[in-house]
Amino acid sequence: MADELIPTRPKVLARKAAGGLTVPAIIGNAGDDATRAFIEFFTANIRNPNTRAAYARAVRSFLAWCEERGVRLENVDPVVVAAYIEGHPGSRPTVKQHLAAIRMLFDYMVRHQVLRTNPAAAVRGPKYVTNRGKTPVLTAAQARELLDSIDISTVVGLRDRAIIGVMVYSFARVGAVVGINVEDYYQSGKRW
C-alpha cells in the first residue's frame, strides 16, 4: 500500500561500533550524532538485558526494512513507520513491542537532537487486550503443598523454600527474587 511511496536504493554496509555493537547503515549514514545516539540508546538507556535484546531485534528489523527500500533516517516519517507496522508478519503483541522499541529509539534521537520529531509518535499499533495471563496460578492448597514438599533440614532447602515462598506470595519474577537482598525488605507504614 504505502510501499509504492518508498523509493528503493542499494544498501550501504553497516559499521562496527565500540563493544561489538553493529550500527546499521541507515544510522551510520546519518552521521556521528546519530551513531552516538543509537549506541547510547542501547548501552546507557535500556538497563534490562532482555528488554535491550528484544528492542535491538525490533529496531534492527525496522531499520533493515527501511534500508531495503532506500529510506534515509531523515526521511523516516509516520507513513514509513505505519507501512512497516501494517506489513509486519508477527503477532499483535510482537508488533506492539516493535512499535514501542521504534518509538523509544526515535524519542531518544529527538532528545539528542538527531531528529526534529518522532515519526513513530503518531502511529497506532494493533489493538491487543488480554484478560487472562498465560501463566497458570497455583491455588492456595497447591502453594502450601509445594512449600511443604521442600526439605528444610538443610540450608539449600531453606533457601529454596524462601525463594519459592516469595515468588508464590508476591508474584515477583524469578530475576527479581534472585537479586533481592535482606535490606530490600523493610517497613513502610504498617506494611512490610
Protein backbone atom coordinates (compact mmCIF):
# COMPACT_ATOMS: atom_id res chain seq x y z
CA MET A 1 0.00 0.00 0.00
CA ALA A 2 2.38 2.74 1.17
CA ASP A 3 5.31 0.67 -0.17
CA GLU A 4 4.99 2.29 -3.57
CA LEU A 5 5.65 5.68 -1.93
CA ILE A 6 9.03 4.47 -0.66
CA PRO A 7 11.88 4.55 -3.20
CA THR A 8 14.40 1.72 -3.41
CA ARG A 9 18.18 2.11 -3.24
CA PRO A 10 21.13 -0.27 -2.72
CA LYS A 11 22.19 -0.95 0.87
CA VAL A 12 25.32 0.51 2.42
CA LEU A 13 27.47 -1.69 4.66
CA ALA A 14 26.90 -1.43 8.41
CA ARG A 15 29.67 -0.19 10.72
CA LYS A 16 31.03 -1.81 13.88
CA ALA A 17 30.95 0.38 16.96
CA ALA A 18 32.79 0.09 20.25
CA GLY A 19 31.83 -3.02 22.20
CA GLY A 20 30.97 -5.01 19.06
CA LEU A 21 27.61 -3.27 18.53
CA THR A 22 26.86 -3.17 14.82
CA VAL A 23 25.47 0.17 13.73
CA PRO A 24 23.05 -0.23 10.80
CA ALA A 25 23.97 1.62 7.63
CA ILE A 26 20.91 3.87 7.82
CA ILE A 27 22.19 5.15 11.19
CA GLY A 28 25.85 5.35 10.15
CA ASN A 29 24.94 7.29 7.01
CA ALA A 30 23.07 9.84 9.14
CA GLY A 31 26.32 10.94 10.80
CA ASP A 32 28.26 10.73 14.03
CA ASP A 33 25.48 12.22 16.19
CA ALA A 34 23.02 9.57 15.01
CA THR A 35 25.59 6.82 15.55
CA ARG A 36 26.37 8.07 19.06
CA ALA A 37 22.66 8.35 19.97
CA PHE A 38 21.98 4.85 18.61
CA ILE A 39 24.81 3.32 20.67
CA GLU A 40 23.85 5.26 23.81
CA PHE A 41 20.20 4.23 23.44
CA PHE A 42 21.12 0.55 23.68
CA THR A 43 24.05 0.75 26.09
CA ALA A 44 23.13 3.50 28.55
CA ASN A 45 19.38 3.97 28.22
CA ILE A 46 17.97 0.42 28.49
CA ARG A 47 19.14 -1.32 31.67
CA ASN A 48 17.35 -4.68 31.42
CA PRO A 49 19.36 -7.04 29.18
CA ASN A 50 16.24 -8.90 28.00
CA THR A 51 14.50 -5.66 27.04
CA ARG A 52 17.69 -4.45 25.36
CA ALA A 53 17.92 -7.64 23.26
CA ALA A 54 14.22 -7.56 22.30
CA TYR A 55 14.34 -3.87 21.37
CA ALA A 56 17.56 -4.38 19.43
CA ARG A 57 15.89 -7.11 17.34
CA ALA A 58 12.85 -4.90 16.77
CA VAL A 59 14.85 -1.81 15.78
CA ARG A 60 17.21 -3.80 13.54
CA SER A 61 14.24 -5.34 11.77
CA PHE A 62 12.71 -1.91 11.14
CA LEU A 63 15.98 -0.32 10.03
CA ALA A 64 16.76 -3.24 7.69
CA TRP A 65 13.27 -2.83 6.22
CA CYS A 66 13.99 0.88 5.67
CA GLU A 67 17.40 0.13 4.11
CA GLU A 68 15.83 -2.34 1.67
CA ARG A 69 13.59 0.47 0.46
CA GLY A 70 16.34 3.09 0.36
CA VAL A 71 14.81 5.23 3.09
CA ARG A 72 17.30 7.53 4.81
CA LEU A 73 16.96 8.23 8.54
CA GLU A 74 15.96 11.85 7.97
CA ASN A 75 13.21 10.68 5.56
CA VAL A 76 11.53 8.31 8.01
CA ASP A 77 8.06 9.73 8.61
CA PRO A 78 4.78 8.40 10.05
CA VAL A 79 3.82 6.87 6.67
CA VAL A 80 7.05 4.84 6.58
CA VAL A 81 6.59 3.61 10.16
CA ALA A 82 2.91 2.83 9.53
CA ALA A 83 3.78 0.88 6.36
CA TYR A 84 6.27 -1.21 8.35
CA ILE A 85 3.77 -1.84 11.17
CA GLU A 86 0.94 -2.73 8.74
CA GLY A 87 3.11 -5.24 6.89
CA HIS A 88 4.73 -6.77 9.98
CA PRO A 89 4.23 -10.55 9.94
CA GLY A 90 4.38 -11.04 13.73
CA SER A 91 1.63 -11.49 16.27
CA ARG A 92 -0.13 -8.44 17.70
CA PRO A 93 1.97 -8.39 20.90
CA THR A 94 5.16 -8.63 18.79
CA VAL A 95 4.04 -5.79 16.53
CA LYS A 96 3.21 -3.65 19.58
CA GLN A 97 6.65 -4.37 21.05
CA HIS A 98 8.34 -3.44 17.77
CA LEU A 99 6.41 -0.17 17.63
CA ALA A 100 7.32 0.59 21.25
CA ALA A 101 11.02 -0.01 20.51
CA ILE A 102 10.91 2.19 17.41
CA ARG A 103 9.12 4.96 19.34
CA MET A 104 11.63 4.83 22.17
CA LEU A 105 14.62 4.97 19.80
CA PHE A 106 13.18 7.95 17.94
CA ASP A 107 12.28 9.68 21.22
CA TYR A 108 15.89 9.28 22.27
CA MET A 109 17.10 10.65 18.95
CA VAL A 110 14.78 13.66 19.28
CA ARG A 111 16.06 14.36 22.82
CA HIS A 112 19.63 14.21 21.49
CA GLN A 113 18.75 16.50 18.57
CA VAL A 114 19.42 13.95 15.84
CA LEU A 115 15.82 14.23 14.60
CA ARG A 116 13.39 17.13 14.94
CA THR A 117 10.30 15.00 15.56
CA ASN A 118 9.47 11.41 16.39
CA PRO A 119 7.98 9.85 13.24
CA ALA A 120 6.58 6.92 15.20
CA ALA A 121 4.69 9.02 17.74
CA ALA A 122 1.53 9.31 15.64
CA VAL A 123 1.46 5.67 14.50
CA ARG A 124 -1.11 3.47 16.20
CA GLY A 125 -0.38 -0.17 16.85
CA PRO A 126 -2.83 -3.04 16.65
CA LYS A 127 -5.31 -3.48 19.47
CA TYR A 128 -4.44 -6.29 21.81
CA VAL A 129 -6.10 -6.74 25.17
CA THR A 130 -5.70 -9.79 27.34
CA ASN A 131 -7.90 -10.53 30.31
CA ARG A 132 -6.07 -13.67 31.34
CA GLY A 133 -2.39 -14.36 31.62
CA LYS A 134 -0.82 -17.42 30.08
CA THR A 135 0.91 -18.44 33.30
CA PRO A 136 -1.24 -20.76 35.43
CA VAL A 137 -1.74 -19.61 39.03
CA LEU A 138 -1.36 -22.00 41.91
CA THR A 139 -4.28 -22.44 44.27
CA ALA A 140 -3.65 -21.88 47.97
CA ALA A 141 -3.65 -25.65 48.53
CA GLN A 142 -1.15 -26.21 45.70
CA ALA A 143 1.13 -23.49 47.04
CA ARG A 144 1.02 -24.99 50.53
CA GLU A 145 1.73 -28.48 49.13
CA LEU A 146 4.68 -27.15 47.12
CA LEU A 147 6.21 -25.32 50.11
CA ASP A 148 5.66 -28.28 52.44
CA SER A 149 7.36 -30.64 49.97
CA ILE A 150 10.70 -28.81 50.31
CA ASP A 151 13.16 -30.37 52.77
CA ILE A 152 14.06 -27.59 55.22
CA SER A 153 16.63 -29.59 57.18
CA THR A 154 19.39 -28.13 55.00
CA VAL A 155 20.43 -24.57 54.16
CA VAL A 156 19.72 -25.23 50.48
CA GLY A 157 16.18 -26.34 51.34
CA LEU A 158 15.61 -23.25 53.48
CA ARG A 159 16.90 -21.05 50.66
CA ASP A 160 14.72 -22.76 48.06
CA ARG A 161 11.64 -22.50 50.27
CA ALA A 162 12.28 -18.81 50.89
CA ILE A 163 12.74 -18.09 47.18
CA ILE A 164 9.65 -20.04 46.13
CA GLY A 165 7.62 -18.57 49.01
CA VAL A 166 8.46 -15.02 47.96
CA MET A 167 7.54 -15.79 44.35
CA VAL A 168 4.27 -17.51 45.30
CA TYR A 169 3.06 -14.82 47.70
CA SER A 170 4.35 -11.70 45.95
CA PHE A 171 4.03 -12.73 42.27
CA ALA A 172 7.56 -11.41 41.79
CA ARG A 173 9.60 -12.58 38.83
CA VAL A 174 12.43 -15.07 39.26
CA GLY A 175 15.08 -12.48 38.33
CA ALA A 176 13.74 -10.02 40.91
CA VAL A 177 13.62 -12.60 43.69
CA VAL A 178 17.10 -13.95 42.96
CA GLY A 179 18.51 -10.42 43.13
CA ILE A 180 16.77 -9.50 46.38
CA ASN A 181 18.81 -8.57 49.46
CA VAL A 182 17.85 -8.50 53.14
CA GLU A 183 17.82 -4.69 53.13
CA ASP A 184 15.22 -4.75 50.31
CA TYR A 185 12.65 -5.93 52.87
CA TYR A 186 11.68 -3.02 55.11
CA GLN A 187 8.68 -1.49 56.84
CA SER A 188 6.72 1.25 55.12
CA GLY A 189 3.99 2.45 57.47
CA LYS A 190 2.09 -0.64 58.64
CA ARG A 191 3.22 -2.75 55.70
CA TRP A 192 6.43 -4.66 55.06
